[in-house]
PDB file of all heavy atoms in Angstrom:
ATOM      1  N   VAL A   1     160.029 131.147 141.015  1.00  0.00           N
ATOM      2  CA  VAL A   1     158.621 130.776 141.203  1.00  0.00           C
ATOM      3  C   VAL A   1     158.520 129.708 142.290  1.00  0.00           C
ATOM      4  O   VAL A   1     157.664 129.790 143.175  1.00  0.00           O
ATOM      5  CB  VAL A   1     157.993 130.278 139.880  1.00  0.00           C
ATOM      6  CG1 VAL A   1     156.597 129.716 140.129  1.00  0.00           C
ATOM      7  CG2 VAL A   1     157.940 131.395 138.862  1.00  0.00           C
ATOM      8  N   ALA A   2     159.398 128.716 142.249  1.00  0.00           N
ATOM      9  CA  ALA A   2     159.378 127.649 143.262  1.00  0.00           C
ATOM     10  C   ALA A   2     159.689 128.210 144.646  1.00  0.00           C
ATOM     11  O   ALA A   2     159.062 127.813 145.640  1.00  0.00           O
ATOM     12  CB  ALA A   2     160.372 126.560 142.879  1.00  0.00           C
ATOM     13  N   ARG A   3     160.652 129.133 144.737  1.00  0.00           N
ATOM     14  CA  ARG A   3     160.963 129.756 146.039  1.00  0.00           C
ATOM     15  C   ARG A   3     159.763 130.544 146.546  1.00  0.00           C
ATOM     16  O   ARG A   3     159.427 130.495 147.732  1.00  0.00           O
ATOM     17  CB  ARG A   3     162.174 130.674 145.916  1.00  0.00           C
ATOM     18  CG  ARG A   3     163.497 129.980 146.041  1.00  0.00           C
ATOM     19  CD  ARG A   3     164.643 130.961 146.234  1.00  0.00           C
ATOM     20  NE  ARG A   3     164.706 131.994 145.207  1.00  0.00           N
ATOM     21  CZ  ARG A   3     165.317 131.866 144.036  1.00  0.00           C
ATOM     22  NH1 ARG A   3     165.922 130.740 143.740  1.00  0.00           N
ATOM     23  NH2 ARG A   3     165.326 132.862 143.176  1.00  0.00           N
ATOM     24  N   HIS A   4     159.127 131.264 145.648  1.00  0.00           N
ATOM     25  CA  HIS A   4     157.944 132.043 146.025  1.00  0.00           C
ATOM     26  C   HIS A   4     156.861 131.103 146.561  1.00  0.00           C
ATOM     27  O   HIS A   4     156.218 131.393 147.562  1.00  0.00           O
ATOM     28  CB  HIS A   4     157.435 132.834 144.818  1.00  0.00           C
ATOM     29  CG  HIS A   4     156.332 133.770 145.140  1.00  0.00           C
ATOM     30  ND1 HIS A   4     156.537 134.991 145.720  1.00  0.00           N
ATOM     31  CD2 HIS A   4     154.993 133.650 144.978  1.00  0.00           C
ATOM     32  CE1 HIS A   4     155.383 135.592 145.894  1.00  0.00           C
ATOM     33  NE2 HIS A   4     154.425 134.803 145.455  1.00  0.00           N
ATOM     34  N   ALA A   5     156.673 129.981 145.888  1.00  0.00           N
ATOM     35  CA  ALA A   5     155.663 129.001 146.314  1.00  0.00           C
ATOM     36  C   ALA A   5     155.983 128.449 147.696  1.00  0.00           C
ATOM     37  O   ALA A   5     155.087 128.213 148.507  1.00  0.00           O
ATOM     38  CB  ALA A   5     155.579 127.866 145.300  1.00  0.00           C
ATOM     39  N   ALA A   6     157.254 128.236 147.958  1.00  0.00           N
ATOM     40  CA  ALA A   6     157.651 127.670 149.248  1.00  0.00           C
ATOM     41  C   ALA A   6     157.367 128.623 150.410  1.00  0.00           C
ATOM     42  O   ALA A   6     157.130 128.177 151.538  1.00  0.00           O
ATOM     43  CB  ALA A   6     159.133 127.317 149.223  1.00  0.00           C
ATOM     44  N   TYR A   7     157.384 129.916 150.129  1.00  0.00           N
ATOM     45  CA  TYR A   7     157.182 130.897 151.189  1.00  0.00           C
ATOM     46  C   TYR A   7     155.777 131.481 151.251  1.00  0.00           C
ATOM     47  O   TYR A   7     155.505 132.360 152.071  1.00  0.00           O
ATOM     48  CB  TYR A   7     158.212 132.026 151.066  1.00  0.00           C
ATOM     49  CG  TYR A   7     159.611 131.558 151.357  1.00  0.00           C
ATOM     50  CD1 TYR A   7     160.545 131.431 150.349  1.00  0.00           C
ATOM     51  CD2 TYR A   7     159.980 131.197 152.647  1.00  0.00           C
ATOM     52  CE1 TYR A   7     161.823 130.978 150.607  1.00  0.00           C
ATOM     53  CE2 TYR A   7     161.257 130.736 152.922  1.00  0.00           C
ATOM     54  CZ  TYR A   7     162.179 130.637 151.893  1.00  0.00           C
ATOM     55  OH  TYR A   7     163.438 130.181 152.159  1.00  0.00           O
ATOM     56  N   LEU A   8     154.892 130.994 150.402  1.00  0.00           N
ATOM     57  CA  LEU A   8     153.512 131.468 150.472  1.00  0.00           C
ATOM     58  C   LEU A   8     152.853 130.995 151.766  1.00  0.00           C
ATOM     59  O   LEU A   8     153.142 129.894 152.241  1.00  0.00           O
ATOM     60  CB  LEU A   8     152.702 130.935 149.292  1.00  0.00           C
ATOM     61  CG  LEU A   8     152.891 131.623 147.958  1.00  0.00           C
ATOM     62  CD1 LEU A   8     152.102 130.889 146.881  1.00  0.00           C
ATOM     63  CD2 LEU A   8     152.463 133.068 148.021  1.00  0.00           C
ATOM     64  N   PRO A   9     151.954 131.778 152.319  1.00  0.00           N
ATOM     65  CA  PRO A   9     151.243 131.340 153.527  1.00  0.00           C
ATOM     66  C   PRO A   9     150.419 130.075 153.256  1.00  0.00           C
ATOM     67  O   PRO A   9     149.972 129.832 152.128  1.00  0.00           O
ATOM     68  CB  PRO A   9     150.318 132.515 153.851  1.00  0.00           C
ATOM     69  CG  PRO A   9     150.877 133.679 153.113  1.00  0.00           C
ATOM     70  CD  PRO A   9     151.585 133.133 151.922  1.00  0.00           C
ATOM     71  N   GLU A  10     150.226 129.307 154.281  1.00  0.00           N
ATOM     72  CA  GLU A  10     149.466 128.055 154.178  1.00  0.00           C
ATOM     73  C   GLU A  10     148.054 128.303 153.653  1.00  0.00           C
ATOM     74  O   GLU A  10     147.506 127.479 152.931  1.00  0.00           O
ATOM     75  CB  GLU A  10     149.411 127.376 155.549  1.00  0.00           C
ATOM     76  CG  GLU A  10     148.921 125.956 155.514  1.00  0.00           C
ATOM     77  CD  GLU A  10     149.871 125.041 154.751  1.00  0.00           C
ATOM     78  OE1 GLU A  10     151.083 125.242 154.812  1.00  0.00           O
ATOM     79  OE2 GLU A  10     149.369 124.111 154.086  1.00  0.00           O
ATOM     80  N   GLU A  11     147.489 129.435 153.988  1.00  0.00           N
ATOM     81  CA  GLU A  11     146.143 129.778 153.518  1.00  0.00           C
ATOM     82  C   GLU A  11     146.091 129.842 151.989  1.00  0.00           C
ATOM     83  O   GLU A  11     145.134 129.369 151.372  1.00  0.00           O
ATOM     84  CB  GLU A  11     145.703 131.126 154.094  1.00  0.00           C
ATOM     85  CG  GLU A  11     144.360 131.579 153.596  1.00  0.00           C
ATOM     86  CD  GLU A  11     144.009 132.986 154.066  1.00  0.00           C
ATOM     87  OE1 GLU A  11     144.637 133.491 155.005  1.00  0.00           O
ATOM     88  OE2 GLU A  11     143.096 133.570 153.472  1.00  0.00           O
ATOM     89  N   ILE A  12     147.123 130.382 151.373  1.00  0.00           N
ATOM     90  CA  ILE A  12     147.178 130.466 149.908  1.00  0.00           C
ATOM     91  C   ILE A  12     147.329 129.074 149.317  1.00  0.00           C
ATOM     92  O   ILE A  12     146.680 128.734 148.328  1.00  0.00           O
ATOM     93  CB  ILE A  12     148.324 131.388 149.441  1.00  0.00           C
ATOM     94  CG1 ILE A  12     148.186 132.776 150.044  1.00  0.00           C
ATOM     95  CG2 ILE A  12     148.403 131.433 147.921  1.00  0.00           C
ATOM     96  CD1 ILE A  12     146.941 133.513 149.623  1.00  0.00           C
ATOM     97  N   HIS A  13     148.170 128.257 149.932  1.00  0.00           N
ATOM     98  CA  HIS A  13     148.322 126.862 149.471  1.00  0.00           C
ATOM     99  C   HIS A  13     146.966 126.159 149.507  1.00  0.00           C
ATOM    100  O   HIS A  13     146.607 125.437 148.571  1.00  0.00           O
ATOM    101  CB  HIS A  13     149.320 126.106 150.350  1.00  0.00           C
ATOM    102  CG  HIS A  13     150.738 126.395 150.014  1.00  0.00           C
ATOM    103  ND1 HIS A  13     151.686 125.416 149.916  1.00  0.00           N
ATOM    104  CD2 HIS A  13     151.388 127.543 149.736  1.00  0.00           C
ATOM    105  CE1 HIS A  13     152.845 125.945 149.607  1.00  0.00           C
ATOM    106  NE2 HIS A  13     152.694 127.244 149.500  1.00  0.00           N
ATOM    107  N   ASP A  14     146.228 126.361 150.583  1.00  0.00           N
ATOM    108  CA  ASP A  14     144.918 125.727 150.720  1.00  0.00           C
ATOM    109  C   ASP A  14     143.943 126.228 149.656  1.00  0.00           C
ATOM    110  O   ASP A  14     143.211 125.443 149.056  1.00  0.00           O
ATOM    111  CB  ASP A  14     144.326 125.986 152.109  1.00  0.00           C
ATOM    112  CG  ASP A  14     145.088 125.272 153.215  1.00  0.00           C
ATOM    113  OD1 ASP A  14     145.859 124.326 152.906  1.00  0.00           O
ATOM    114  OD2 ASP A  14     144.934 125.671 154.379  1.00  0.00           O
ATOM    115  N   ARG A  15     143.936 127.523 149.413  1.00  0.00           N
ATOM    116  CA  ARG A  15     143.030 128.087 148.408  1.00  0.00           C
ATOM    117  C   ARG A  15     143.347 127.589 147.007  1.00  0.00           C
ATOM    118  O   ARG A  15     142.459 127.409 146.184  1.00  0.00           O
ATOM    119  CB  ARG A  15     143.086 129.602 148.429  1.00  0.00           C
ATOM    120  CG  ARG A  15     142.365 130.193 149.597  1.00  0.00           C
ATOM    121  CD  ARG A  15     142.335 131.683 149.487  1.00  0.00           C
ATOM    122  NE  ARG A  15     141.563 132.236 150.583  1.00  0.00           N
ATOM    123  CZ  ARG A  15     141.239 133.498 150.663  1.00  0.00           C
ATOM    124  NH1 ARG A  15     141.614 134.342 149.725  1.00  0.00           N
ATOM    125  NH2 ARG A  15     140.541 133.934 151.682  1.00  0.00           N
ATOM    126  N   LEU A  16     144.633 127.377 146.735  1.00  0.00           N
ATOM    127  CA  LEU A  16     145.033 126.874 145.429  1.00  0.00           C
ATOM    128  C   LEU A  16     144.880 125.358 145.313  1.00  0.00           C
ATOM    129  O   LEU A  16     144.911 124.814 144.222  1.00  0.00           O
ATOM    130  CB  LEU A  16     146.488 127.252 145.126  1.00  0.00           C
ATOM    131  CG  LEU A  16     146.764 128.732 144.915  1.00  0.00           C
ATOM    132  CD1 LEU A  16     148.258 128.956 144.745  1.00  0.00           C
ATOM    133  CD2 LEU A  16     146.002 129.256 143.707  1.00  0.00           C
ATOM    134  N   GLY A  17     144.723 124.700 146.452  1.00  0.00           N
ATOM    135  CA  GLY A  17     144.613 123.244 146.429  1.00  0.00           C
ATOM    136  C   GLY A  17     145.957 122.549 146.385  1.00  0.00           C
ATOM    137  O   GLY A  17     146.071 121.417 145.910  1.00  0.00           O
ATOM    138  N   LEU A  18     146.992 123.205 146.879  1.00  0.00           N
ATOM    139  CA  LEU A  18     148.335 122.631 146.898  1.00  0.00           C
ATOM    140  C   LEU A  18     148.624 122.015 148.258  1.00  0.00           C
ATOM    141  O   LEU A  18     148.453 122.665 149.277  1.00  0.00           O
ATOM    142  CB  LEU A  18     149.379 123.709 146.606  1.00  0.00           C
ATOM    143  CG  LEU A  18     149.320 124.357 145.236  1.00  0.00           C
ATOM    144  CD1 LEU A  18     150.284 125.539 145.189  1.00  0.00           C
ATOM    145  CD2 LEU A  18     149.661 123.356 144.159  1.00  0.00           C
ATOM    146  N   ARG A  19     149.077 120.778 148.247  1.00  0.00           N
ATOM    147  CA  ARG A  19     149.484 120.144 149.508  1.00  0.00           C
ATOM    148  C   ARG A  19     150.894 120.558 149.895  1.00  0.00           C
ATOM    149  O   ARG A  19     151.229 120.657 151.056  1.00  0.00           O
ATOM    150  CB  ARG A  19     149.414 118.629 149.385  1.00  0.00           C
ATOM    151  CG  ARG A  19     147.983 118.128 149.293  1.00  0.00           C
ATOM    152  CD  ARG A  19     147.971 116.707 148.902  1.00  0.00           C
ATOM    153  NE  ARG A  19     148.207 116.713 147.447  1.00  0.00           N
ATOM    154  CZ  ARG A  19     148.353 115.657 146.715  1.00  0.00           C
ATOM    155  NH1 ARG A  19     148.319 114.479 147.259  1.00  0.00           N
ATOM    156  NH2 ARG A  19     148.543 115.754 145.424  1.00  0.00           N
ATOM    157  N   ALA A  20     151.723 120.771 148.880  1.00  0.00           N
ATOM    158  CA  ALA A  20     153.106 121.193 149.089  1.00  0.00           C
ATOM    159  C   ALA A  20     153.509 122.080 147.923  1.00  0.00           C
ATOM    160  O   ALA A  20     152.857 122.089 146.879  1.00  0.00           O
ATOM    161  CB  ALA A  20     154.016 119.974 149.168  1.00  0.00           C
ATOM    162  N   ALA A  21     154.589 122.803 148.091  1.00  0.00           N
ATOM    163  CA  ALA A  21     155.081 123.665 147.018  1.00  0.00           C
ATOM    164  C   ALA A  21     155.776 122.811 145.963  1.00  0.00           C
ATOM    165  O   ALA A  21     156.623 121.984 146.295  1.00  0.00           O
ATOM    166  CB  ALA A  21     156.046 124.691 147.586  1.00  0.00           C
ATOM    167  N   PRO A  22     155.430 122.991 144.701  1.00  0.00           N
ATOM    168  CA  PRO A  22     156.089 122.223 143.642  1.00  0.00           C
ATOM    169  C   PRO A  22     157.518 122.710 143.425  1.00  0.00           C
ATOM    170  O   PRO A  22     157.847 123.861 143.701  1.00  0.00           O
ATOM    171  CB  PRO A  22     155.228 122.494 142.413  1.00  0.00           C
ATOM    172  CG  PRO A  22     154.572 123.793 142.688  1.00  0.00           C
ATOM    173  CD  PRO A  22     154.390 123.869 144.171  1.00  0.00           C
ATOM    174  N   ARG A  23     158.353 121.821 142.919  1.00  0.00           N
ATOM    175  CA  ARG A  23     159.739 122.172 142.612  1.00  0.00           C
ATOM    176  C   ARG A  23     159.808 122.843 141.247  1.00  0.00           C
ATOM    177  O   ARG A  23     158.900 122.724 140.430  1.00  0.00           O
ATOM    178  CB  ARG A  23     160.596 120.925 142.615  1.00  0.00           C
ATOM    179  CG  ARG A  23     160.675 120.310 143.979  1.00  0.00           C
ATOM    180  CD  ARG A  23     161.540 119.104 143.942  1.00  0.00           C
ATOM    181  NE  ARG A  23     161.599 118.509 145.273  1.00  0.00           N
ATOM    182  CZ  ARG A  23     162.590 117.776 145.689  1.00  0.00           C
ATOM    183  NH1 ARG A  23     163.586 117.488 144.881  1.00  0.00           N
ATOM    184  NH2 ARG A  23     162.580 117.289 146.907  1.00  0.00           N
ATOM    185  N   ALA A  24     160.913 123.505 141.007  1.00  0.00           N
ATOM    186  CA  ALA A  24     161.124 124.193 139.736  1.00  0.00           C
ATOM    187  C   ALA A  24     161.085 123.213 138.567  1.00  0.00           C
ATOM    188  O   ALA A  24     160.560 123.540 137.496  1.00  0.00           O
ATOM    189  CB  ALA A  24     162.448 124.956 139.758  1.00  0.00           C
ATOM    190  N   THR A  25     161.609 122.009 138.751  1.00  0.00           N
ATOM    191  CA  THR A  25     161.606 121.024 137.664  1.00  0.00           C
ATOM    192  C   THR A  25     160.180 120.615 137.305  1.00  0.00           C
ATOM    193  O   THR A  25     159.867 120.434 136.128  1.00  0.00           O
ATOM    194  CB  THR A  25     162.425 119.785 138.026  1.00  0.00           C
ATOM    195  OG1 THR A  25     161.966 119.257 139.275  1.00  0.00           O
ATOM    196  CG2 THR A  25     163.901 120.116 138.148  1.00  0.00           C
ATOM    197  N   THR A  26     159.333 120.489 138.292  1.00  0.00           N
ATOM    198  CA  THR A  26     157.925 120.158 138.039  1.00  0.00           C
ATOM    199  C   THR A  26     157.258 121.272 137.244  1.00  0.00           C
ATOM    200  O   THR A  26     156.570 121.011 136.250  1.00  0.00           O
ATOM    201  CB  THR A  26     157.176 119.942 139.367  1.00  0.00           C
ATOM    202  OG1 THR A  26     157.797 118.878 140.086  1.00  0.00           O
ATOM    203  CG2 THR A  26     155.706 119.635 139.140  1.00  0.00           C
ATOM    204  N   LEU A  27     157.481 122.493 137.658  1.00  0.00           N
ATOM    205  CA  LEU A  27     156.899 123.630 136.954  1.00  0.00           C
ATOM    206  C   LEU A  27     157.411 123.695 135.516  1.00  0.00           C
ATOM    207  O   LEU A  27     156.646 123.941 134.586  1.00  0.00           O
ATOM    208  CB  LEU A  27     157.226 124.926 137.691  1.00  0.00           C
ATOM    209  CG  LEU A  27     156.622 125.061 139.084  1.00  0.00           C
ATOM    210  CD1 LEU A  27     157.230 126.250 139.809  1.00  0.00           C
ATOM    211  CD2 LEU A  27     155.118 125.174 139.009  1.00  0.00           C
ATOM    212  N   GLY A  28     158.691 123.456 135.329  1.00  0.00           N
ATOM    213  CA  GLY A  28     159.272 123.495 134.007  1.00  0.00           C
ATOM    214  C   GLY A  28     158.682 122.441 133.073  1.00  0.00           C
ATOM    215  O   GLY A  28     158.383 122.719 131.908  1.00  0.00           O
ATOM    216  N   ARG A  29     158.507 121.221 133.593  1.00  0.00           N
ATOM    217  CA  ARG A  29     157.923 120.152 132.786  1.00  0.00           C
ATOM    218  C   ARG A  29     156.488 120.479 132.377  1.00  0.00           C
ATOM    219  O   ARG A  29     156.090 120.287 131.230  1.00  0.00           O
ATOM    220  CB  ARG A  29     157.964 118.827 133.539  1.00  0.00           C
ATOM    221  CG  ARG A  29     159.315 118.161 133.528  1.00  0.00           C
ATOM    222  CD  ARG A  29     159.229 116.722 134.002  1.00  0.00           C
ATOM    223  NE  ARG A  29     158.609 116.599 135.316  1.00  0.00           N
ATOM    224  CZ  ARG A  29     159.266 116.578 136.460  1.00  0.00           C
ATOM    225  NH1 ARG A  29     160.577 116.683 136.480  1.00  0.00           N
ATOM    226  NH2 ARG A  29     158.635 116.452 137.604  1.00  0.00           N
ATOM    227  N   VAL A  30     155.711 120.987 133.318  1.00  0.00           N
ATOM    228  CA  VAL A  30     154.305 121.312 133.020  1.00  0.00           C
ATOM    229  C   VAL A  30     154.224 122.444 131.998  1.00  0.00           C
ATOM    230  O   VAL A  30     153.470 122.348 131.025  1.00  0.00           O
ATOM    231  CB  VAL A  30     153.543 121.688 134.315  1.00  0.00           C
ATOM    232  CG1 VAL A  30     152.181 122.276 134.003  1.00  0.00           C
ATOM    233  CG2 VAL A  30     153.404 120.482 135.214  1.00  0.00           C
TER     234      VAL A  30
END
């Protein structure tokens, strides 16, 4: 999931409101 997030186009990051791709540890904690 984290790798997928890192390779998403910037437009998708903007639509989701993400400044950067989260790490796997962040996703796991949430």
